[in-house]
Amino acid sequence: MIVVNFKNYQESFGDGALELAKICKKVGEKSKVKIIPLVSALDAGLIKEKLGIEVWLQSVDPILEGRGNGFISPLKAKEMGVDGSLLNHSEHRFKTGTVKKMLKSWPKGFKSMLCISSFGQIERWAGKVKSDFVAYEVKSLIASKDKSIISEKAEVIKKIVDFYKKKKVGVLVGSGIKSDKDVKEALELGAKGVLASSAIVKAKDPEKVLTKFVAVFGV
């Protein structure tokens, strides 16, 4: 499983978002590896309509319906056909109490991927809440040129994977994922897949990069 975080790069909104999503669809269908575009709420509807693929949002807000001008409702996202959302990414944090409240009232059938940044968070609260997936990321390693969460936090990844295996929750890893070697080592550590962004979005040839990534899954 590869989650491609489009973020707000110039290459990945508007027409660029649709083109990158087409690449995700093409490589995913050819390789049989699940590739999920993680997109802006502004682009999700168009991508879903044009391509009919699984699409997730980068984040949603702590409101389901009613007042809340400008907020992104997970319930409304589900109703418009979006399949799920990332939650609590290091670039879009919520207070712990807010995250707990959001997951408790999360719409049925709308998938969730909770971001955590340490095993300590699992011990304090994250291990007690329910989410479909967990993504382990470290903010200081995001978009790193010479390091990755694999090279710096392999022991923590294994520890987190072992913890969530008992709960039957898939773990993805992100932060500095830039090569097929990173992806291969993530899988060897027991991760279900990776969360990647700039290495794909800003690549001269995103399809080539994604093709290298999926090749190590051995599907």
Protein backbone atom coordinates (compact mmCIF):
# COMPACT_ATOMS: atom_id res chain seq x y z
CA MET A 1 0.00 0.00 0.00
CA ILE A 2 1.34 3.40 -0.99
CA VAL A 3 -0.32 6.63 0.07
CA VAL A 4 0.76 9.56 -2.09
CA ASN A 5 0.32 12.82 -0.21
CA PHE A 6 -0.31 15.53 -2.81
CA LYS A 7 -0.01 18.28 -0.15
CA ASN A 8 -0.19 21.78 -1.65
CA TYR A 9 2.65 21.60 -4.12
CA GLN A 10 2.07 23.52 -7.34
CA GLU A 11 2.49 20.27 -9.25
CA SER A 12 -0.38 18.59 -7.41
CA PHE A 13 -3.46 20.77 -7.46
CA GLY A 14 -5.97 21.52 -10.19
CA ASP A 15 -5.01 19.90 -13.49
CA GLY A 16 -1.80 18.66 -11.87
CA ALA A 17 -3.77 16.80 -9.21
CA LEU A 18 -5.85 15.02 -11.83
CA GLU A 19 -2.79 14.04 -13.86
CA LEU A 20 -0.95 12.71 -10.80
CA ALA A 21 -4.04 10.78 -9.74
CA LYS A 22 -4.16 9.23 -13.23
CA ILE A 23 -0.59 8.03 -12.71
CA CYS A 24 -1.52 6.56 -9.33
CA LYS A 25 -4.40 4.71 -10.96
CA LYS A 26 -2.30 3.46 -13.87
CA VAL A 27 0.58 2.17 -11.75
CA GLY A 28 -1.76 0.72 -9.14
CA GLU A 29 -3.86 -1.21 -11.64
CA LYS A 30 -0.80 -2.51 -13.47
CA SER A 31 1.06 -3.61 -10.33
CA LYS A 32 -1.97 -4.69 -8.22
CA VAL A 33 -0.51 -2.61 -5.36
CA LYS A 34 -3.03 -0.29 -3.72
CA ILE A 35 -2.04 3.35 -4.33
CA ILE A 36 -4.17 5.98 -2.63
CA PRO A 37 -4.02 9.66 -3.64
CA LEU A 38 -4.21 11.88 -0.56
CA VAL A 39 -5.58 15.10 -1.95
CA SER A 40 -6.95 18.53 -1.17
CA ALA A 41 -10.69 18.78 -0.54
CA LEU A 42 -10.75 21.17 -3.50
CA ASP A 43 -9.61 18.42 -5.89
CA ALA A 44 -11.19 15.29 -4.38
CA GLY A 45 -14.56 15.56 -6.10
CA LEU A 46 -13.12 16.00 -9.58
CA ILE A 47 -10.67 13.11 -9.18
CA LYS A 48 -13.40 10.84 -7.86
CA GLU A 49 -15.74 11.79 -10.70
CA LYS A 50 -13.19 11.46 -13.50
CA LEU A 51 -11.26 8.40 -12.33
CA GLY A 52 -13.54 6.49 -9.97
CA ILE A 53 -10.62 5.46 -7.76
CA GLU A 54 -10.17 5.41 -3.99
CA VAL A 55 -9.41 8.95 -2.85
CA TRP A 56 -8.63 10.24 0.64
CA LEU A 57 -8.39 13.74 2.07
CA GLN A 58 -5.28 15.15 3.70
CA SER A 59 -7.30 16.15 6.75
CA VAL A 60 -10.80 16.85 7.99
CA ASP A 61 -12.10 19.03 10.81
CA PRO A 62 -13.87 18.33 14.12
CA ILE A 63 -17.38 19.04 12.87
CA LEU A 64 -19.95 16.75 11.26
CA GLU A 65 -22.78 19.12 10.36
CA GLY A 66 -24.32 22.45 11.30
CA ARG A 67 -22.32 25.55 12.12
CA GLY A 68 -18.64 25.58 11.26
CA ASN A 69 -17.96 27.96 8.41
CA GLY A 70 -14.99 26.88 6.29
CA PHE A 71 -14.49 23.55 8.05
CA ILE A 72 -14.22 20.22 6.21
CA SER A 73 -16.77 17.75 7.53
CA PRO A 74 -15.82 14.05 7.37
CA LEU A 75 -19.52 13.23 7.06
CA LYS A 76 -19.95 15.51 4.04
CA ALA A 77 -16.74 14.15 2.53
CA LYS A 78 -18.13 10.63 2.81
CA GLU A 79 -21.44 11.69 1.27
CA MET A 80 -19.63 13.13 -1.76
CA GLY A 81 -17.85 9.80 -2.32
CA VAL A 82 -14.48 10.41 -0.67
CA ASP A 83 -13.20 7.20 0.92
CA GLY A 84 -11.24 8.35 3.96
CA SER A 85 -8.87 10.86 5.49
CA LEU A 86 -5.52 11.25 7.15
CA LEU A 87 -5.75 12.73 10.64
CA ASN A 88 -3.25 14.59 12.82
CA HIS A 89 -0.41 14.87 10.30
CA SER A 90 2.59 16.69 11.76
CA GLU A 91 1.82 19.64 9.47
CA HIS A 92 -1.82 19.71 10.56
CA ARG A 93 -1.97 18.80 14.25
CA PHE A 94 -4.99 18.75 16.54
CA LYS A 95 -5.07 18.64 20.33
CA THR A 96 -5.17 15.10 21.70
CA GLY A 97 -8.66 15.54 23.10
CA THR A 98 -9.89 16.75 19.72
CA VAL A 99 -8.42 13.72 17.93
CA LYS A 100 -10.09 11.36 20.40
CA LYS A 101 -13.42 13.11 19.95
CA MET A 102 -13.13 13.03 16.15
CA LEU A 103 -12.36 9.33 15.99
CA LYS A 104 -15.15 8.53 18.43
CA SER A 105 -17.71 10.18 16.11
CA TRP A 106 -16.00 9.17 12.85
CA PRO A 107 -18.55 8.33 10.13
CA LYS A 108 -19.06 4.60 9.61
CA GLY A 109 -17.46 3.44 6.37
CA PHE A 110 -15.20 6.50 6.12
CA LYS A 111 -11.65 5.21 6.60
CA SER A 112 -9.16 6.81 8.95
CA MET A 113 -5.38 6.91 9.17
CA LEU A 114 -4.08 8.35 12.41
CA CYS A 115 -0.63 9.94 12.35
CA ILE A 116 1.65 9.45 15.34
CA SER A 117 5.18 10.70 15.91
CA SER A 118 6.45 8.46 18.74
CA PHE A 119 5.82 5.25 20.63
CA GLY A 120 5.20 7.42 23.67
CA GLN A 121 2.04 8.73 22.04
CA ILE A 122 0.81 5.16 21.70
CA GLU A 123 1.43 4.53 25.38
CA ARG A 124 -0.25 7.77 26.47
CA TRP A 125 -3.36 7.77 24.25
CA ALA A 126 -3.07 6.66 20.62
CA GLY A 127 -3.08 2.98 21.50
CA LYS A 128 -6.49 3.39 23.09
CA VAL A 129 -8.34 4.95 20.14
CA LYS A 130 -9.66 3.15 17.09
CA SER A 131 -8.49 3.91 13.55
CA ASP A 132 -8.27 1.83 10.38
CA PHE A 133 -4.57 2.55 9.89
CA VAL A 134 -1.73 4.25 11.74
CA ALA A 135 0.98 6.28 10.04
CA TYR A 136 4.26 6.77 11.89
CA GLU A 137 6.10 9.93 10.85
CA VAL A 138 8.70 12.27 12.31
CA LYS A 139 8.39 15.92 11.34
CA SER A 140 12.13 16.65 11.32
CA LEU A 141 12.67 13.94 8.67
CA ILE A 142 9.94 15.06 6.26
CA ALA A 143 11.47 15.89 2.84
CA SER A 144 14.97 15.14 4.18
CA LYS A 145 17.55 14.82 1.42
CA ASP A 146 19.88 12.38 3.17
CA LYS A 147 17.89 10.68 5.93
CA SER A 148 14.58 8.88 6.29
CA ILE A 149 12.44 7.41 9.01
CA ILE A 150 13.83 4.04 7.88
CA SER A 151 17.47 4.99 8.42
CA GLU A 152 16.83 6.82 11.69
CA LYS A 153 13.93 5.04 13.41
CA ALA A 154 13.97 1.39 12.34
CA GLU A 155 13.75 0.06 15.91
CA VAL A 156 10.76 2.28 16.69
CA ILE A 157 9.01 1.17 13.49
CA LYS A 158 9.38 -2.48 14.50
CA LYS A 159 8.08 -1.71 17.99
CA ILE A 160 5.03 0.12 16.61
CA VAL A 161 4.31 -2.63 14.07
CA ASP A 162 4.46 -5.28 16.81
CA PHE A 163 2.07 -3.27 19.00
CA TYR A 164 -0.56 -2.79 16.29
CA LYS A 165 -0.27 -6.32 14.94
CA LYS A 166 -2.18 -7.49 18.01
CA LYS A 167 -4.93 -5.00 17.17
CA LYS A 168 -4.90 -5.98 13.49
CA VAL A 169 -4.23 -2.39 12.46
CA GLY A 170 -1.94 -1.76 9.48
CA VAL A 171 1.03 0.56 10.03
CA LEU A 172 2.44 2.82 7.32
CA VAL A 173 5.61 4.85 7.66
CA GLY A 174 6.44 8.26 6.23
CA SER A 175 9.06 11.03 6.45
CA GLY A 176 11.92 11.11 3.99
CA ILE A 177 10.70 8.10 1.96
CA LYS A 178 12.48 8.66 -1.32
CA SER A 179 13.62 5.36 -2.81
CA ASP A 180 12.57 1.80 -3.52
CA LYS A 181 15.16 0.78 -0.90
CA ASP A 182 13.24 2.76 1.73
CA VAL A 183 10.01 1.05 0.70
CA LYS A 184 11.60 -2.41 0.73
CA GLU A 185 13.05 -1.90 4.20
CA ALA A 186 9.74 -0.56 5.51
CA LEU A 187 8.02 -3.75 4.36
CA GLU A 188 10.77 -5.88 5.87
CA LEU A 189 10.16 -4.15 9.21
CA GLY A 190 6.54 -5.24 8.99
CA ALA A 191 4.91 -2.04 7.73
CA LYS A 192 1.92 -2.42 5.43
CA GLY A 193 3.28 0.34 3.20
CA VAL A 194 4.53 3.90 3.03
CA LEU A 195 3.30 7.45 3.07
CA ALA A 196 5.27 9.48 0.51
CA SER A 197 5.02 12.96 -0.91
CA SER A 198 7.76 15.11 -2.47
CA ALA A 199 9.76 12.15 -3.80
CA ILE A 200 6.81 11.41 -6.07
CA VAL A 201 4.94 14.71 -6.44
CA LYS A 202 8.00 16.77 -7.34
CA ALA A 203 9.78 14.10 -9.36
CA LYS A 204 10.53 14.77 -13.03
CA ASP A 205 8.86 11.44 -13.78
CA PRO A 206 6.41 10.47 -10.98
CA GLU A 207 5.33 7.35 -12.85
CA LYS A 208 8.90 6.06 -12.95
CA VAL A 209 9.34 6.64 -9.20
CA LEU A 210 6.04 4.97 -8.33
CA THR A 211 6.85 2.03 -10.60
CA LYS A 212 10.11 1.48 -8.71
CA PHE A 213 8.26 1.69 -5.41
CA VAL A 214 5.62 -0.91 -6.29
CA ALA A 215 8.21 -3.31 -7.72
CA VAL A 216 9.44 -4.23 -4.24
CA PHE A 217 6.01 -5.41 -3.07
CA GLY A 218 6.32 -8.62 -5.07
CA VAL A 219 2.58 -8.87 -5.76
